[in-house]
Amino acid sequence: AFSSQHHGARTGAVKTSQLMMSSSPSSSQSRRDVLSNAVSVAAVGLSALLLDPNTAVAFKPGPPTAQSAANKAAESYQGVYSDPNHLEGYRVIMASSGKGGGATMTLSDGVAKDAPEGTEEKTYKNIPVAITEGSNELSFDFSFKGGPKGVVGILSNDKQSITFPDGNTWKKNANQYDGIYKDANYPNGYRIIRKFKSTKTITEVNNTGNPKDSIFIKGNHGSLFSIPTAAFAFYDYTGKETCTEKLCRSCEVVCKDELVGQFSLQESNTVFSYGTITFPDKTIWTRI
């Protein structure tokens, strides 16, 4: 389980930078909207490490880089899916690590907004999904929740959705950033990022491939409209706290365990490749 500690009160002295914005906010954008993007501002330190502030200019899309093209081509049926019939839930489909092949699914319908107070979320794990080799068919057994067996879903050619016989379609990575990521430092492991509430996220971090070794951490993301990247903060992940400098006699020193990475979906970005989250130590999580 993840810590229920509230992170919204975490604050610190930060400085704004033109690196996080390609232009000034429009007159219709409120001051609150700008100031609320605290995570993006906090990521300036990482951007400064990777970009020369003296030469930073507005990002202009160009042809895809070789790495971005490779990352996009390698994406598969694996990912975090949303079901329009259960908007508060999620479905995570991931290839099985066993010899039998196929895949497994973790499914939650979430808790409906009109559900009685105290209703708990039900999560079903290790649901087998049969993969028909050489085709775009996936076979599901929904009997665990009173549904039919052998329901065949068709994976779209762009691998971004699964459509079922009743016309229902699950959309993959509907929040842009959600999905299954791989860290080359842990070849058997995985990171599953999904939306929690608003800009808050939950990430399952697993370094071994054994679900028993998973830890769940909370996070937050900056504006997904930022160019060319969006900042993602992960809390209580490194096990080390960094404290702010005491700026005045009465100022409070704030200590926090926070790791900020840059998420990119820009195929022509030569600094951050498509479908990646890059951290200050150059560790890269790549979505599969």
Protein backbone atom coordinates (compact mmCIF):
# COMPACT_ATOMS: atom_id res chain seq x y z
CA ALA A 1 0.00 0.00 0.00
CA PHE A 2 1.11 3.57 -0.46
CA SER A 3 1.54 6.19 2.17
CA SER A 4 -1.55 8.29 2.82
CA GLN A 5 0.55 11.27 3.88
CA HIS A 6 -0.76 14.50 2.37
CA HIS A 7 1.73 16.09 0.02
CA GLY A 8 -0.29 19.09 -1.01
CA ALA A 9 1.23 21.12 1.84
CA ARG A 10 4.77 20.52 0.69
CA THR A 11 6.17 23.85 -0.29
CA GLY A 12 9.58 25.38 -0.78
CA ALA A 13 11.25 28.46 -2.16
CA VAL A 14 11.57 28.09 -5.90
CA LYS A 15 12.38 30.41 -8.74
CA THR A 16 10.52 30.59 -12.00
CA SER A 17 12.29 30.17 -15.32
CA GLN A 18 11.51 30.75 -18.95
CA LEU A 19 12.59 27.15 -19.56
CA MET A 20 9.17 25.91 -18.45
CA MET A 21 7.11 28.15 -20.78
CA SER A 22 7.42 28.97 -24.43
CA SER A 23 5.32 32.10 -24.09
CA SER A 24 3.54 34.26 -21.49
CA PRO A 25 0.09 33.13 -20.30
CA SER A 26 -2.88 34.55 -22.17
CA SER A 27 -5.00 37.26 -20.60
CA SER A 28 -7.73 34.70 -19.93
CA GLN A 29 -5.42 32.54 -17.87
CA SER A 30 -5.70 33.38 -14.19
CA ARG A 31 -2.79 33.98 -11.88
CA ARG A 32 -3.97 31.01 -9.85
CA ASP A 33 -3.60 28.71 -12.88
CA VAL A 34 0.02 29.78 -13.29
CA LEU A 35 0.95 29.57 -9.63
CA SER A 36 -0.78 26.23 -9.15
CA ASN A 37 1.64 24.57 -11.53
CA ALA A 38 4.10 24.02 -8.71
CA VAL A 39 5.47 20.76 -10.03
CA SER A 40 6.46 22.29 -13.35
CA VAL A 41 8.26 25.06 -11.55
CA ALA A 42 10.01 22.60 -9.26
CA ALA A 43 11.37 20.80 -12.32
CA VAL A 44 13.41 23.80 -13.43
CA GLY A 45 16.46 22.32 -11.74
CA LEU A 46 16.34 19.27 -14.02
CA SER A 47 15.75 21.32 -17.13
CA ALA A 48 18.71 23.52 -16.28
CA LEU A 49 20.91 20.44 -16.08
CA LEU A 50 19.97 19.28 -19.55
CA LEU A 51 19.34 22.50 -21.44
CA ASP A 52 21.54 25.56 -21.85
CA PRO A 53 19.43 28.45 -20.47
CA ASN A 54 21.29 30.90 -22.66
CA THR A 55 20.21 29.17 -25.84
CA ALA A 56 16.74 27.88 -24.84
CA VAL A 57 14.11 28.92 -27.38
CA ALA A 58 10.49 28.03 -28.10
CA PHE A 59 10.24 24.38 -29.09
CA LYS A 60 9.57 23.80 -32.78
CA PRO A 61 8.48 20.30 -33.81
CA GLY A 62 10.58 18.66 -36.49
CA PRO A 63 11.08 15.16 -37.89
CA PRO A 64 11.03 12.29 -35.36
CA THR A 65 14.37 11.31 -33.86
CA ALA A 66 15.59 7.75 -34.34
CA GLN A 67 15.17 6.94 -30.63
CA SER A 68 11.64 8.34 -30.50
CA ALA A 69 10.68 6.37 -33.61
CA ALA A 70 12.08 3.20 -32.05
CA ASN A 71 10.25 3.82 -28.77
CA LYS A 72 6.94 4.35 -30.54
CA ALA A 73 7.37 1.30 -32.76
CA ALA A 74 8.11 -0.88 -29.72
CA GLU A 75 4.82 -0.06 -27.98
CA SER A 76 2.52 -3.07 -27.72
CA TYR A 77 -0.87 -4.08 -26.33
CA GLN A 78 0.56 -3.63 -22.84
CA GLY A 79 -0.61 -0.58 -20.95
CA VAL A 80 -3.17 1.08 -18.73
CA TYR A 81 -6.66 1.13 -20.27
CA SER A 82 -9.77 3.10 -19.41
CA ASP A 83 -13.30 1.74 -19.84
CA PRO A 84 -16.00 4.36 -20.63
CA ASN A 85 -18.46 2.25 -18.63
CA HIS A 86 -16.27 2.55 -15.52
CA LEU A 87 -14.61 5.95 -15.68
CA GLU A 88 -13.38 5.75 -12.08
CA GLY A 89 -11.55 2.48 -12.73
CA TYR A 90 -8.68 1.14 -14.78
CA ARG A 91 -7.39 -2.01 -16.49
CA VAL A 92 -3.68 -2.85 -16.60
CA ILE A 93 -2.69 -5.48 -19.17
CA MET A 94 0.88 -6.77 -19.04
CA ALA A 95 2.71 -9.67 -20.65
CA SER A 96 3.16 -12.64 -18.35
CA SER A 97 6.66 -13.40 -17.15
CA GLY A 98 6.05 -17.15 -17.03
CA LYS A 99 6.84 -19.76 -19.66
CA GLY A 100 3.23 -20.06 -20.81
CA GLY A 101 3.19 -16.66 -22.46
CA GLY A 102 -0.01 -14.70 -22.70
CA ALA A 103 -0.76 -11.79 -20.40
CA THR A 104 -2.39 -10.94 -17.11
CA MET A 105 -4.76 -8.14 -16.20
CA THR A 106 -5.37 -6.11 -13.07
CA LEU A 107 -8.86 -4.63 -13.11
CA SER A 108 -10.70 -2.15 -10.95
CA ASP A 109 -14.02 -0.48 -11.66
CA GLY A 110 -13.19 2.14 -9.05
CA VAL A 111 -15.83 3.69 -6.83
CA ALA A 112 -18.63 5.48 -8.63
CA LYS A 113 -19.20 9.09 -7.62
CA ASP A 114 -22.80 8.30 -6.61
CA ALA A 115 -21.80 5.22 -4.59
CA PRO A 116 -22.82 5.12 -0.90
CA GLU A 117 -20.31 6.62 1.49
CA GLY A 118 -17.81 4.05 2.70
CA THR A 119 -17.93 1.96 -0.49
CA GLU A 120 -14.50 0.39 -1.01
CA GLU A 121 -12.77 -0.11 -4.32
CA LYS A 122 -12.46 -3.71 -5.48
CA THR A 123 -9.34 -4.71 -7.39
CA TYR A 124 -9.02 -8.02 -9.23
CA LYS A 125 -5.48 -9.23 -9.98
CA ASN A 126 -3.75 -11.87 -12.10
CA ILE A 127 -6.65 -12.30 -14.50
CA PRO A 128 -5.36 -14.38 -17.44
CA VAL A 129 -5.60 -12.87 -20.92
CA ALA A 130 -5.01 -15.16 -23.90
CA ILE A 131 -3.04 -13.67 -26.79
CA THR A 132 -3.51 -15.12 -30.25
CA GLU A 133 -0.03 -15.11 -31.76
CA GLY A 134 0.23 -13.33 -35.08
CA SER A 135 -3.12 -11.59 -34.70
CA ASN A 136 -4.61 -8.63 -32.89
CA GLU A 137 -7.02 -10.73 -30.81
CA LEU A 138 -7.04 -10.88 -27.02
CA SER A 139 -9.38 -13.25 -25.19
CA PHE A 140 -10.77 -12.27 -21.77
CA ASP A 141 -12.51 -14.24 -19.05
CA PHE A 142 -14.86 -11.93 -17.13
CA SER A 143 -16.43 -14.67 -15.03
CA PHE A 144 -14.63 -13.33 -11.93
CA LYS A 145 -17.17 -10.48 -11.89
CA GLY A 146 -20.15 -12.43 -13.17
CA GLY A 147 -19.46 -11.87 -16.87
CA PRO A 148 -18.93 -14.25 -19.79
CA LYS A 149 -15.82 -16.23 -20.67
CA GLY A 150 -13.90 -16.18 -23.93
CA VAL A 151 -14.74 -12.58 -24.86
CA VAL A 152 -12.49 -11.58 -27.75
CA GLY A 153 -11.27 -8.01 -27.95
CA ILE A 154 -9.62 -6.59 -31.06
CA LEU A 155 -6.49 -4.50 -30.61
CA SER A 156 -6.43 -1.53 -32.97
CA ASN A 157 -3.64 -1.31 -35.53
CA ASP A 158 -2.08 1.62 -33.69
CA LYS A 159 -2.23 -0.41 -30.45
CA GLN A 160 -4.11 2.38 -28.69
CA SER A 161 -7.44 0.67 -27.99
CA ILE A 162 -9.26 -2.65 -27.62
CA THR A 163 -12.80 -3.03 -29.00
CA PHE A 164 -15.23 -5.72 -27.85
CA PRO A 165 -18.16 -7.41 -29.63
CA ASP A 166 -20.71 -5.20 -27.84
CA GLY A 167 -19.01 -2.11 -29.25
CA ASN A 168 -17.37 -1.08 -26.00
CA THR A 169 -13.83 0.24 -26.49
CA TRP A 170 -11.05 0.47 -23.92
CA LYS A 171 -8.68 3.31 -24.62
CA LYS A 172 -5.01 2.91 -23.77
CA ASN A 173 -3.08 5.61 -21.92
CA ALA A 174 -6.10 7.92 -21.97
CA ASN A 175 -4.37 10.41 -19.68
CA GLN A 176 -1.35 10.63 -22.02
CA TYR A 177 1.21 9.76 -19.35
CA ASP A 178 -0.29 6.58 -17.89
CA GLY A 179 1.19 3.28 -18.92
CA ILE A 180 3.77 0.61 -18.20
CA TYR A 181 7.37 1.79 -18.19
CA LYS A 182 10.68 -0.05 -18.13
CA ASP A 183 13.85 1.05 -16.35
CA ALA A 184 16.98 -0.42 -17.97
CA ASN A 185 18.57 -0.63 -14.52
CA TYR A 186 15.97 -3.24 -13.57
CA PRO A 187 15.34 -5.38 -16.69
CA ASN A 188 12.93 -7.71 -14.89
CA GLY A 189 11.01 -4.92 -13.24
CA TYR A 190 8.41 -2.39 -14.30
CA ARG A 191 6.75 0.89 -13.33
CA ILE A 192 3.01 1.33 -13.79
CA ILE A 193 1.81 4.92 -13.69
CA ARG A 194 -1.88 5.75 -13.53
CA LYS A 195 -4.09 8.65 -12.56
CA PHE A 196 -5.32 8.93 -8.98
CA LYS A 197 -7.23 12.22 -8.78
CA SER A 198 -6.84 15.41 -10.79
CA THR A 199 -3.08 15.89 -11.26
CA LYS A 200 -2.21 13.30 -8.62
CA THR A 201 -0.78 9.95 -9.69
CA ILE A 202 -0.06 6.51 -8.27
CA THR A 203 2.98 4.57 -9.45
CA GLU A 204 3.66 0.90 -8.85
CA VAL A 205 7.42 0.46 -8.67
CA ASN A 206 8.71 -3.09 -9.07
CA ASN A 207 12.38 -3.97 -9.53
CA THR A 208 12.17 -7.77 -9.71
CA GLY A 209 9.08 -8.70 -11.70
CA ASN A 210 7.55 -10.40 -8.65
CA PRO A 211 4.31 -8.57 -7.72
CA LYS A 212 5.07 -9.19 -4.05
CA ASP A 213 8.01 -6.78 -4.32
CA SER A 214 5.92 -3.86 -5.59
CA ILE A 215 5.70 -0.59 -3.71
CA PHE A 216 3.16 2.13 -4.45
CA ILE A 217 4.11 5.79 -4.36
CA LYS A 218 2.10 8.94 -4.82
CA GLY A 219 3.04 11.73 -7.18
CA ASN A 220 1.88 14.78 -9.03
CA HIS A 221 2.32 16.15 -12.52
CA GLY A 222 2.60 19.60 -14.02
CA SER A 223 0.73 20.95 -17.00
CA LEU A 224 0.43 18.47 -19.85
CA PHE A 225 0.33 21.45 -22.21
CA SER A 226 3.89 22.47 -21.33
CA ILE A 227 6.38 22.36 -24.21
CA PRO A 228 8.39 20.27 -24.80
CA THR A 229 7.96 18.29 -21.56
CA ALA A 230 5.80 17.98 -18.45
CA ALA A 231 7.24 17.66 -14.95
CA PHE A 232 6.38 14.60 -12.85
CA ALA A 233 7.12 14.47 -9.14
CA PHE A 234 7.35 11.18 -7.23
CA TYR A 235 7.13 11.34 -3.42
CA ASP A 236 8.81 9.12 -0.82
CA TYR A 237 10.65 7.19 -3.53
CA THR A 238 14.38 7.70 -2.99
CA GLY A 239 14.39 7.28 0.78
CA LYS A 240 16.42 10.48 1.13
CA GLU A 241 15.11 13.90 2.10
CA THR A 242 16.41 17.18 0.71
CA CYS A 243 15.95 20.28 2.82
CA THR A 244 15.45 23.83 1.63
CA GLU A 245 17.86 26.54 2.65
CA LYS A 246 16.80 28.69 5.62
CA LEU A 247 16.23 32.06 3.94
CA CYS A 248 15.33 34.07 7.03
CA ARG A 249 15.32 33.78 10.81
CA SER A 250 11.62 32.97 10.96
CA CYS A 251 11.51 30.88 7.78
CA GLU A 252 10.70 27.21 8.12
CA VAL A 253 13.07 24.64 6.67
CA VAL A 254 11.11 22.20 4.54
CA CYS A 255 12.49 18.69 4.04
CA LYS A 256 10.99 16.29 1.53
CA ASP A 257 11.70 13.13 -0.41
CA GLU A 258 10.78 14.20 -3.92
CA LEU A 259 12.15 13.09 -7.27
CA VAL A 260 11.18 15.10 -10.36
CA GLY A 261 11.41 13.75 -13.90
CA GLN A 262 10.53 15.10 -17.31
CA PHE A 263 7.80 13.33 -19.31
CA SER A 264 7.92 13.65 -23.09
CA LEU A 265 5.56 12.71 -25.92
CA GLN A 266 7.37 14.83 -28.51
CA GLU A 267 8.82 12.63 -31.23
CA SER A 268 11.21 15.34 -32.48
CA ASN A 269 12.61 16.30 -29.09
CA THR A 270 16.35 15.63 -29.25
CA VAL A 271 16.78 15.92 -25.47
CA PHE A 272 13.84 13.84 -24.20
CA SER A 273 12.66 10.97 -26.42
CA TYR A 274 9.03 10.04 -27.06
CA GLY A 275 7.30 8.02 -24.33
CA THR A 276 9.94 8.57 -21.66
CA ILE A 277 10.41 10.06 -18.21
CA THR A 278 13.96 11.32 -17.67
CA PHE A 279 15.43 11.98 -14.22
CA PRO A 280 18.31 14.22 -13.08
CA ASP A 281 20.75 11.28 -12.85
CA LYS A 282 19.93 10.45 -16.50
CA THR A 283 17.85 7.40 -15.55
CA ILE A 284 15.14 6.94 -18.18
CA TRP A 285 11.82 5.15 -17.88
CA THR A 286 10.56 4.10 -21.33
CA ARG A 287 6.91 3.24 -21.94
CA ILE A 288 6.21 -0.10 -23.57
